């Protein structure tokens, strides 16, 4: 009797995976945040602001902004604020 329940468990789990997977994709897209970032160059000049989108917070937005300035920005001076 117990074996029947254990055999049916993987089937039940596999039947529910598409339902949970579909629900998770809708919430993942809703968490994307837009940030406006400013920084100074290595020479101390103010660089133009950039706008980046990040799902993973301010720290990831700083990394994305750094690549937008292509190495001109000093990482310690990058400031990102949500828009």
PDB file of N, CA and C in Angstrom:
ATOM      1  N   UNK A   1       0.810  -1.185   0.000  1.00  0.00           N
ATOM      2  CA  UNK A   1       0.000   0.000   0.000  1.00  0.00           C
ATOM      3  C   UNK A   1       0.863   1.264   0.000  1.00  0.00           C
ATOM      4  N   UNK A   2       1.905   1.255   0.804  1.00  0.00           N
ATOM      5  CA  UNK A   2       2.774   2.419   0.917  1.00  0.00           C
ATOM      6  C   UNK A   2       3.522   2.678  -0.386  1.00  0.00           C
ATOM      7  N   UNK A   3       3.857   1.663  -1.103  1.00  0.00           N
ATOM      8  CA  UNK A   3       4.578   1.791  -2.361  1.00  0.00           C
ATOM      9  C   UNK A   3       3.741   2.550  -3.387  1.00  0.00           C
ATOM     10  N   UNK A   4       2.459   2.360  -3.393  1.00  0.00           N
ATOM     11  CA  UNK A   4       1.584   3.065  -4.332  1.00  0.00           C
ATOM     12  C   UNK A   4       1.636   4.572  -4.100  1.00  0.00           C
ATOM     13  N   UNK A   5       1.643   4.980  -2.857  1.00  0.00           N
ATOM     14  CA  UNK A   5       1.703   6.405  -2.555  1.00  0.00           C
ATOM     15  C   UNK A   5       3.037   6.996  -3.005  1.00  0.00           C
ATOM     16  N   UNK A   6       4.117   6.270  -2.768  1.00  0.00           N
ATOM     17  CA  UNK A   6       5.432   6.760  -3.168  1.00  0.00           C
ATOM     18  C   UNK A   6       5.578   6.825  -4.677  1.00  0.00           C
ATOM     19  N   UNK A   7       4.936   5.936  -5.397  1.00  0.00           N
ATOM     20  CA  UNK A   7       4.984   5.958  -6.855  1.00  0.00           C
ATOM     21  C   UNK A   7       4.169   7.134  -7.404  1.00  0.00           C
ATOM     22  N   UNK A   8       3.093   7.459  -6.748  1.00  0.00           N
ATOM     23  CA  UNK A   8       2.237   8.545  -7.212  1.00  0.00           C
ATOM     24  C   UNK A   8       2.779   9.921  -6.893  1.00  0.00           C
ATOM     25  N   UNK A   9       3.659  10.050  -5.920  1.00  0.00           N
ATOM     26  CA  UNK A   9       4.203  11.342  -5.517  1.00  0.00           C
ATOM     27  C   UNK A   9       4.990  12.033  -6.629  1.00  0.00           C
ATOM     28  N   UNK A  10       5.930  11.366  -7.308  1.00  0.00           N
ATOM     29  CA  UNK A  10       6.640  12.049  -8.394  1.00  0.00           C
ATOM     30  C   UNK A  10       5.715  12.484  -9.529  1.00  0.00           C
ATOM     31  N   UNK A  11       4.699  11.711  -9.803  1.00  0.00           N
ATOM     32  CA  UNK A  11       3.747  12.076 -10.850  1.00  0.00           C
ATOM     33  C   UNK A  11       2.992  13.338 -10.454  1.00  0.00           C
ATOM     34  N   UNK A  12       2.581  13.435  -9.197  1.00  0.00           N
ATOM     35  CA  UNK A  12       1.859  14.616  -8.719  1.00  0.00           C
ATOM     36  C   UNK A  12       2.758  15.852  -8.744  1.00  0.00           C
ATOM     37  N   UNK A  13       3.999  15.696  -8.358  1.00  0.00           N
ATOM     38  CA  UNK A  13       4.940  16.820  -8.369  1.00  0.00           C
ATOM     39  C   UNK A  13       5.180  17.289  -9.796  1.00  0.00           C
ATOM     40  N   UNK A  14       5.387  16.383 -10.725  1.00  0.00           N
ATOM     41  CA  UNK A  14       5.629  16.763 -12.111  1.00  0.00           C
ATOM     42  C   UNK A  14       4.404  17.418 -12.730  1.00  0.00           C
ATOM     43  N   UNK A  15       3.218  17.049 -12.287  1.00  0.00           N
ATOM     44  CA  UNK A  15       1.999  17.658 -12.812  1.00  0.00           C
ATOM     45  C   UNK A  15       1.858  19.102 -12.342  1.00  0.00           C
ATOM     46  N   UNK A  16       2.408  19.447 -11.176  1.00  0.00           N
ATOM     47  CA  UNK A  16       2.284  20.796 -10.632  1.00  0.00           C
ATOM     48  C   UNK A  16       3.402  21.743 -11.077  1.00  0.00           C
ATOM     49  N   UNK A  17       4.490  21.240 -11.605  1.00  0.00           N
ATOM     50  CA  UNK A  17       5.625  22.075 -11.997  1.00  0.00           C
ATOM     51  C   UNK A  17       5.244  23.148 -13.014  1.00  0.00           C
ATOM     52  N   UNK A  18       4.508  22.842 -14.081  1.00  0.00           N
ATOM     53  CA  UNK A  18       4.157  23.905 -15.025  1.00  0.00           C
ATOM     54  C   UNK A  18       3.313  25.012 -14.394  1.00  0.00           C
ATOM     55  N   UNK A  19       2.476  24.683 -13.439  1.00  0.00           N
ATOM     56  CA  UNK A  19       1.641  25.692 -12.789  1.00  0.00           C
ATOM     57  C   UNK A  19       2.500  26.658 -12.002  1.00  0.00           C
ATOM     58  N   UNK A  20       3.443  26.147 -11.212  1.00  0.00           N
ATOM     59  CA  UNK A  20       4.310  27.011 -10.422  1.00  0.00           C
ATOM     60  C   UNK A  20       5.314  27.743 -11.299  1.00  0.00           C
ATOM     61  N   UNK A  21       5.794  27.116 -12.330  1.00  0.00           N
ATOM     62  CA  UNK A  21       6.737  27.771 -13.238  1.00  0.00           C
ATOM     63  C   UNK A  21       6.110  28.946 -13.952  1.00  0.00           C
ATOM     64  N   UNK A  22       4.867  28.815 -14.342  1.00  0.00           N
ATOM     65  CA  UNK A  22       4.157  29.905 -15.019  1.00  0.00           C
ATOM     66  C   UNK A  22       3.933  31.063 -14.055  1.00  0.00           C
ATOM     67  N   UNK A  23       3.591  30.777 -12.816  1.00  0.00           N
ATOM     68  CA  UNK A  23       3.342  31.825 -11.832  1.00  0.00           C
ATOM     69  C   UNK A  23       4.632  32.563 -11.484  1.00  0.00           C
ATOM     70  N   UNK A  24       5.751  31.873 -11.467  1.00  0.00           N
ATOM     71  CA  UNK A  24       7.022  32.501 -11.107  1.00  0.00           C
ATOM     72  C   UNK A  24       7.526  33.426 -12.197  1.00  0.00           C
ATOM     73  N   UNK A  25       7.253  33.164 -13.450  1.00  0.00           N
ATOM     74  CA  UNK A  25       7.750  34.030 -14.521  1.00  0.00           C
ATOM     75  C   UNK A  25       7.075  35.385 -14.488  1.00  0.00           C
ATOM     76  N   UNK A  26       5.843  35.468 -14.085  1.00  0.00           N
ATOM     77  CA  UNK A  26       5.160  36.752 -14.011  1.00  0.00           C
ATOM     78  C   UNK A  26       5.728  37.636 -12.917  1.00  0.00           C
ATOM     79  N   UNK A  27       6.116  37.065 -11.784  1.00  0.00           N
ATOM     80  CA  UNK A  27       6.648  37.862 -10.690  1.00  0.00           C
ATOM     81  C   UNK A  27       8.096  38.270 -10.935  1.00  0.00           C
ATOM     82  N   UNK A  28       8.855  37.468 -11.658  1.00  0.00           N
ATOM     83  CA  UNK A  28      10.255  37.804 -11.903  1.00  0.00           C
ATOM     84  C   UNK A  28      10.367  39.055 -12.765  1.00  0.00           C
ATOM     85  N   UNK A  29       9.492  39.225 -13.720  1.00  0.00           N
ATOM     86  CA  UNK A  29       9.550  40.387 -14.590  1.00  0.00           C
ATOM     87  C   UNK A  29       9.106  41.648 -13.860  1.00  0.00           C
ATOM     88  N   UNK A  30       8.275  41.516 -12.858  1.00  0.00           N
ATOM     89  CA  UNK A  30       7.773  42.675 -12.143  1.00  0.00           C
ATOM     90  C   UNK A  30       8.830  43.291 -11.238  1.00  0.00           C
ATOM     91  N   UNK A  31       9.885  42.567 -10.915  1.00  0.00           N
ATOM     92  CA  UNK A  31      10.892  43.065  -9.991  1.00  0.00           C
ATOM     93  C   UNK A  31      11.997  43.873 -10.659  1.00  0.00           C
ATOM     94  N   UNK A  32      11.969  44.067 -11.958  1.00  0.00           N
ATOM     95  CA  UNK A  32      13.008  44.845 -12.627  1.00  0.00           C
ATOM     96  C   UNK A  32      12.859  46.304 -12.226  1.00  0.00           C
ATOM     97  N   UNK A  33      13.929  46.890 -11.718  1.00  0.00           N
ATOM     98  CA  UNK A  33      13.930  48.271 -11.255  1.00  0.00           C
ATOM     99  C   UNK A  33      14.822  49.104 -12.162  1.00  0.00           C
ATOM    100  N   UNK A  34      14.422  50.327 -12.439  1.00  0.00           N
ATOM    101  CA  UNK A  34      15.222  51.241 -13.240  1.00  0.00           C
ATOM    102  C   UNK A  34      15.994  52.163 -12.303  1.00  0.00           C
ATOM    103  N   UNK A  35      17.290  52.345 -12.588  1.00  0.00           N
ATOM    104  CA  UNK A  35      18.155  53.182 -11.770  1.00  0.00           C
ATOM    105  C   UNK A  35      18.799  54.259 -12.624  1.00  0.00           C
ATOM    106  N   UNK A  36      18.976  55.427 -12.042  1.00  0.00           N
ATOM    107  CA  UNK A  36      19.733  56.502 -12.679  1.00  0.00           C
ATOM    108  C   UNK A  36      21.049  56.613 -11.918  1.00  0.00           C
ATOM    109  N   UNK A  37      22.165  56.521 -12.651  1.00  0.00           N
ATOM    110  CA  UNK A  37      23.474  56.477 -12.005  1.00  0.00           C
ATOM    111  C   UNK A  37      24.353  57.635 -12.464  1.00  0.00           C
ATOM    112  N   UNK A  38      25.107  58.179 -11.518  1.00  0.00           N
ATOM    113  CA  UNK A  38      26.083  59.227 -11.805  1.00  0.00           C
ATOM    114  C   UNK A  38      27.424  58.802 -11.224  1.00  0.00           C
ATOM    115  N   UNK A  39      28.497  59.393 -11.746  1.00  0.00           N
ATOM    116  CA  UNK A  39      29.838  59.053 -11.251  1.00  0.00           C
ATOM    117  C   UNK A  39      30.824  60.130 -11.667  1.00  0.00           C
ATOM    118  N   UNK A  40      32.025  59.988 -11.118  1.00  0.00           N
ATOM    119  CA  UNK A  40      33.133  60.861 -11.495  1.00  0.00           C
ATOM    120  C   UNK A  40      34.167  60.023 -12.238  1.00  0.00           C
ATOM    121  N   UNK A  41      34.868  60.675 -13.153  1.00  0.00           N
ATOM    122  CA  UNK A  41      35.941  59.988 -13.872  1.00  0.00           C
ATOM    123  C   UNK A  41      37.161  59.904 -12.965  1.00  0.00           C
ATOM    124  N   UNK A  42      38.185  59.203 -13.434  1.00  0.00           N
ATOM    125  CA  UNK A  42      39.420  59.066 -12.662  1.00  0.00           C
ATOM    126  C   UNK A  42      40.099  60.414 -12.471  1.00  0.00           C
ATOM    127  N   UNK A  43      39.811  61.378 -13.337  1.00  0.00           N
ATOM    128  CA  UNK A  43      40.380  62.718 -13.223  1.00  0.00           C
ATOM    129  C   UNK A  43      39.570  63.649 -12.344  1.00  0.00           C
ATOM    130  N   UNK A  44      38.426  63.188 -11.830  1.00  0.00           N
ATOM    131  CA  UNK A  44      37.598  63.996 -10.945  1.00  0.00           C
ATOM    132  C   UNK A  44      36.475  64.741 -11.658  1.00  0.00           C
ATOM    133  N   UNK A  45      36.328  64.560 -12.961  1.00  0.00           N
ATOM    134  CA  UNK A  45      35.263  65.233 -13.700  1.00  0.00           C
ATOM    135  C   UNK A  45      33.960  64.447 -13.568  1.00  0.00           C
ATOM    136  N   UNK A  46      32.845  65.189 -13.561  1.00  0.00           N
ATOM    137  CA  UNK A  46      31.528  64.550 -13.471  1.00  0.00           C
ATOM    138  C   UNK A  46      31.152  63.952 -14.828  1.00  0.00           C
ATOM    139  N   UNK A  47      30.775  62.670 -14.825  1.00  0.00           N
ATOM    140  CA  UNK A  47      30.339  62.007 -16.055  1.00  0.00           C
ATOM    141  C   UNK A  47      28.835  62.170 -16.217  1.00  0.00           C
ATOM    142  N   UNK A  48      28.369  62.055 -17.444  1.00  0.00           N
ATOM    143  CA  UNK A  48      26.932  62.149 -17.722  1.00  0.00           C
ATOM    144  C   UNK A  48      26.170  61.008 -17.077  1.00  0.00           C
ATOM    145  N   UNK A  49      24.929  61.251 -16.664  1.00  0.00           N
ATOM    146  CA  UNK A  49      24.147  60.185 -16.019  1.00  0.00           C
ATOM    147  C   UNK A  49      23.759  59.086 -17.006  1.00  0.00           C
ATOM    148  N   UNK A  50      23.654  57.880 -16.499  1.00  0.00           N
ATOM    149  CA  UNK A  50      23.202  56.736 -17.289  1.00  0.00           C
ATOM    150  C   UNK A  50      21.999  56.117 -16.592  1.00  0.00           C
ATOM    151  N   UNK A  51      21.122  55.509 -17.379  1.00  0.00           N
ATOM    152  CA  UNK A  51      19.965  54.801 -16.848  1.00  0.00           C
ATOM    153  C   UNK A  51      20.134  53.320 -17.152  1.00  0.00           C
ATOM    154  N   UNK A  52      20.013  52.501 -16.107  1.00  0.00           N
ATOM    155  CA  UNK A  52      20.152  51.051 -16.256  1.00  0.00           C
ATOM    156  C   UNK A  52      18.968  50.365 -15.592  1.00  0.00           C
ATOM    157  N   UNK A  53      18.687  49.136 -16.031  1.00  0.00           N
ATOM    158  CA  UNK A  53      17.651  48.311 -15.419  1.00  0.00           C
ATOM    159  C   UNK A  53      18.308  47.106 -14.767  1.00  0.00           C
ATOM    160  N   UNK A  54      17.907  46.826 -13.525  1.00  0.00           N
ATOM    161  CA  UNK A  54      18.500  45.706 -12.797  1.00  0.00           C
ATOM    162  C   UNK A  54      17.434  44.993 -11.980  1.00  0.00           C
ATOM    163  N   UNK A  55      17.489  43.645 -11.990  1.00  0.00           N
ATOM    164  CA  UNK A  55      16.606  42.833 -11.150  1.00  0.00           C
ATOM    165  C   UNK A  55      17.232  42.591  -9.784  1.00  0.00           C
ATOM    166  N   UNK A  56      18.510  42.849  -9.643  1.00  0.00           N
ATOM    167  CA  UNK A  56      19.238  42.402  -8.468  1.00  0.00           C
ATOM    168  C   UNK A  56      19.685  43.522  -7.543  1.00  0.00           C
ATOM    169  N   UNK A  57      19.127  44.708  -7.648  1.00  0.00           N
ATOM    170  CA  UNK A  57      19.398  45.766  -6.685  1.00  0.00           C
ATOM    171  C   UNK A  57      20.437  46.773  -7.127  1.00  0.00           C
ATOM    172  N   UNK A  58      20.776  47.639  -6.172  1.00  0.00           N
ATOM    173  CA  UNK A  58      21.667  48.766  -6.439  1.00  0.00           C
ATOM    174  C   UNK A  58      23.072  48.301  -6.798  1.00  0.00           C
ATOM    175  N   UNK A  59      23.553  47.283  -6.123  1.00  0.00           N
ATOM    176  CA  UNK A  59      24.919  46.815  -6.384  1.00  0.00           C
ATOM    177  C   UNK A  59      25.078  46.325  -7.825  1.00  0.00           C
ATOM    178  N   UNK A  60      24.100  45.603  -8.320  1.00  0.00           N
ATOM    179  CA  UNK A  60      24.141  45.141  -9.709  1.00  0.00           C
ATOM    180  C   UNK A  60      23.991  46.313 -10.669  1.00  0.00           C
ATOM    181  N   UNK A  61      23.181  47.300 -10.292  1.00  0.00           N
ATOM    182  CA  UNK A  61      23.015  48.491 -11.131  1.00  0.00           C
ATOM    183  C   UNK A  61      24.332  49.252 -11.259  1.00  0.00           C
ATOM    184  N   UNK A  62      25.091  49.309 -10.182  1.00  0.00           N
ATOM    185  CA  UNK A  62      26.407  49.964 -10.240  1.00  0.00           C
ATOM    186  C   UNK A  62      27.335  49.246 -11.223  1.00  0.00           C
ATOM    187  N   UNK A  63      27.306  47.931 -11.193  1.00  0.00           N
ATOM    188  CA  UNK A  63      28.131  47.158 -12.119  1.00  0.00           C
ATOM    189  C   UNK A  63      27.719  47.371 -13.559  1.00  0.00           C
ATOM    190  N   UNK A  64      26.419  47.447 -13.816  1.00  0.00           N
ATOM    191  CA  UNK A  64      25.934  47.704 -15.169  1.00  0.00           C
ATOM    192  C   UNK A  64      26.313  49.110 -15.629  1.00  0.00           C
ATOM    193  N   UNK A  65      26.198  50.077 -14.724  1.00  0.00           N
ATOM    194  CA  UNK A  65      26.553  51.461 -15.071  1.00  0.00           C
ATOM    195  C   UNK A  65      28.045  51.565 -15.372  1.00  0.00           C
ATOM    196  N   UNK A  66      28.849  50.839 -14.618  1.00  0.00           N
ATOM    197  CA  UNK A  66      30.300  50.861 -14.842  1.00  0.00           C
ATOM    198  C   UNK A  66      30.631  50.418 -16.264  1.00  0.00           C
ATOM    199  N   UNK A  67      29.935  49.410 -16.752  1.00  0.00           N
ATOM    200  CA  UNK A  67      30.203  48.955 -18.114  1.00  0.00           C
ATOM    201  C   UNK A  67      29.705  49.957 -19.149  1.00  0.00           C
ATOM    202  N   UNK A  68      28.666  50.720 -18.817  1.00  0.00           N
ATOM    203  CA  UNK A  68      28.165  51.736 -19.740  1.00  0.00           C
ATOM    204  C   UNK A  68      29.189  52.857 -19.945  1.00  0.00           C
ATOM    205  N   UNK A  69      29.925  53.200 -18.895  1.00  0.00           N
ATOM    206  CA  UNK A  69      30.955  54.243 -19.006  1.00  0.00           C
ATOM    207  C   UNK A  69      32.266  53.699 -19.567  1.00  0.00           C
ATOM    208  N   UNK A  70      32.342  52.405 -19.788  1.00  0.00           N
ATOM    209  CA  UNK A  70      33.487  51.740 -20.416  1.00  0.00           C
ATOM    210  C   UNK A  70      34.834  52.060 -19.741  1.00  0.00           C
ATOM    211  N   UNK A  71      34.856  51.945 -18.414  1.00  0.00           N
ATOM    212  CA  UNK A  71      36.101  52.105 -17.669  1.00  0.00           C
ATOM    213  C   UNK A  71      36.479  53.529 -17.336  1.00  0.00           C
ATOM    214  N   UNK A  72      35.688  54.505 -17.751  1.00  0.00           N
ATOM    215  CA  UNK A  72      36.007  55.907 -17.453  1.00  0.00           C
ATOM    216  C   UNK A  72      35.650  56.275 -16.017  1.00  0.00           C
ATOM    217  N   UNK A  73      34.676  55.582 -15.417  1.00  0.00           N
ATOM    218  CA  UNK A  73      34.194  55.935 -14.077  1.00  0.00           C
ATOM    219  C   UNK A  73      34.984  55.207 -12.991  1.00  0.00           C
ATOM    220  N   UNK A  74      35.272  55.936 -11.922  1.00  0.00           N
ATOM    221  CA  UNK A  74      35.872  55.322 -10.740  1.00  0.00           C
ATOM    222  C   UNK A  74      34.743  54.666  -9.948  1.00  0.00           C
ATOM    223  N   UNK A  75      34.869  53.361  -9.699  1.00  0.00           N
ATOM    224  CA  UNK A  75      33.755  52.586  -9.119  1.00  0.00           C
ATOM    225  C   UNK A  75      33.299  53.144  -7.781  1.00  0.00           C
ATOM    226  N   UNK A  76      34.198  53.643  -6.963  1.00  0.00           N
ATOM    227  CA  UNK A  76      33.836  54.141  -5.641  1.00  0.00           C
ATOM    228  C   UNK A  76      32.942  55.392  -5.695  1.00  0.00           C
ATOM    229  N   UNK A  77      32.911  56.069  -6.846  1.00  0.00           N
ATOM    230  CA  UNK A  77      32.108  57.284  -6.961  1.00  0.00           C
ATOM    231  C   UNK A  77      30.756  57.058  -7.629  1.00  0.00           C
ATOM    232  N   UNK A  78      30.456  55.849  -8.047  1.00  0.00           N
ATOM    233  CA  UNK A  78      29.184  55.582  -8.719  1.00  0.00           C
ATOM    234  C   UNK A  78      28.055  55.590  -7.696  1.00  0.00           C
ATOM    235  N   UNK A  79      27.043  56.407  -7.958  1.00  0.00           N
ATOM    236  CA  UNK A  79      25.856  56.496  -7.109  1.00  0.00           C
ATOM    237  C   UNK A  79      24.635  56.191  -7.968  1.00  0.00           C
ATOM    238  N   UNK A  80      23.837  55.210  -7.565  1.00  0.00           N
ATOM    239  CA  UNK A  80      22.638  54.828  -8.301  1.00  0.00           C
ATOM    240  C   UNK A  80      21.416  55.024  -7.410  1.00  0.00           C
ATOM    241  N   UNK A  81      20.390  55.645  -7.980  1.00  0.00           N
ATOM    242  CA  UNK A  81      19.141  55.858  -7.259  1.00  0.00           C
ATOM    243  C   UNK A  81      17.987  55.310  -8.103  1.00  0.00           C
ATOM    244  N   UNK A  82      16.990  54.716  -7.452  1.00  0.00           N
ATOM    245  CA  UNK A  82      15.826  54.214  -8.208  1.00  0.00           C
ATOM    246  C   UNK A  82      15.074  55.370  -8.859  1.00  0.00           C
ATOM    247  N   UNK A  83      14.566  55.114 -10.048  1.00  0.00           N
ATOM    248  CA  UNK A  83      13.804  56.149 -10.771  1.00  0.00           C
ATOM    249  C   UNK A  83      12.336  55.925 -10.527  1.00  0.00           C
TER     250      UNK A  83
END
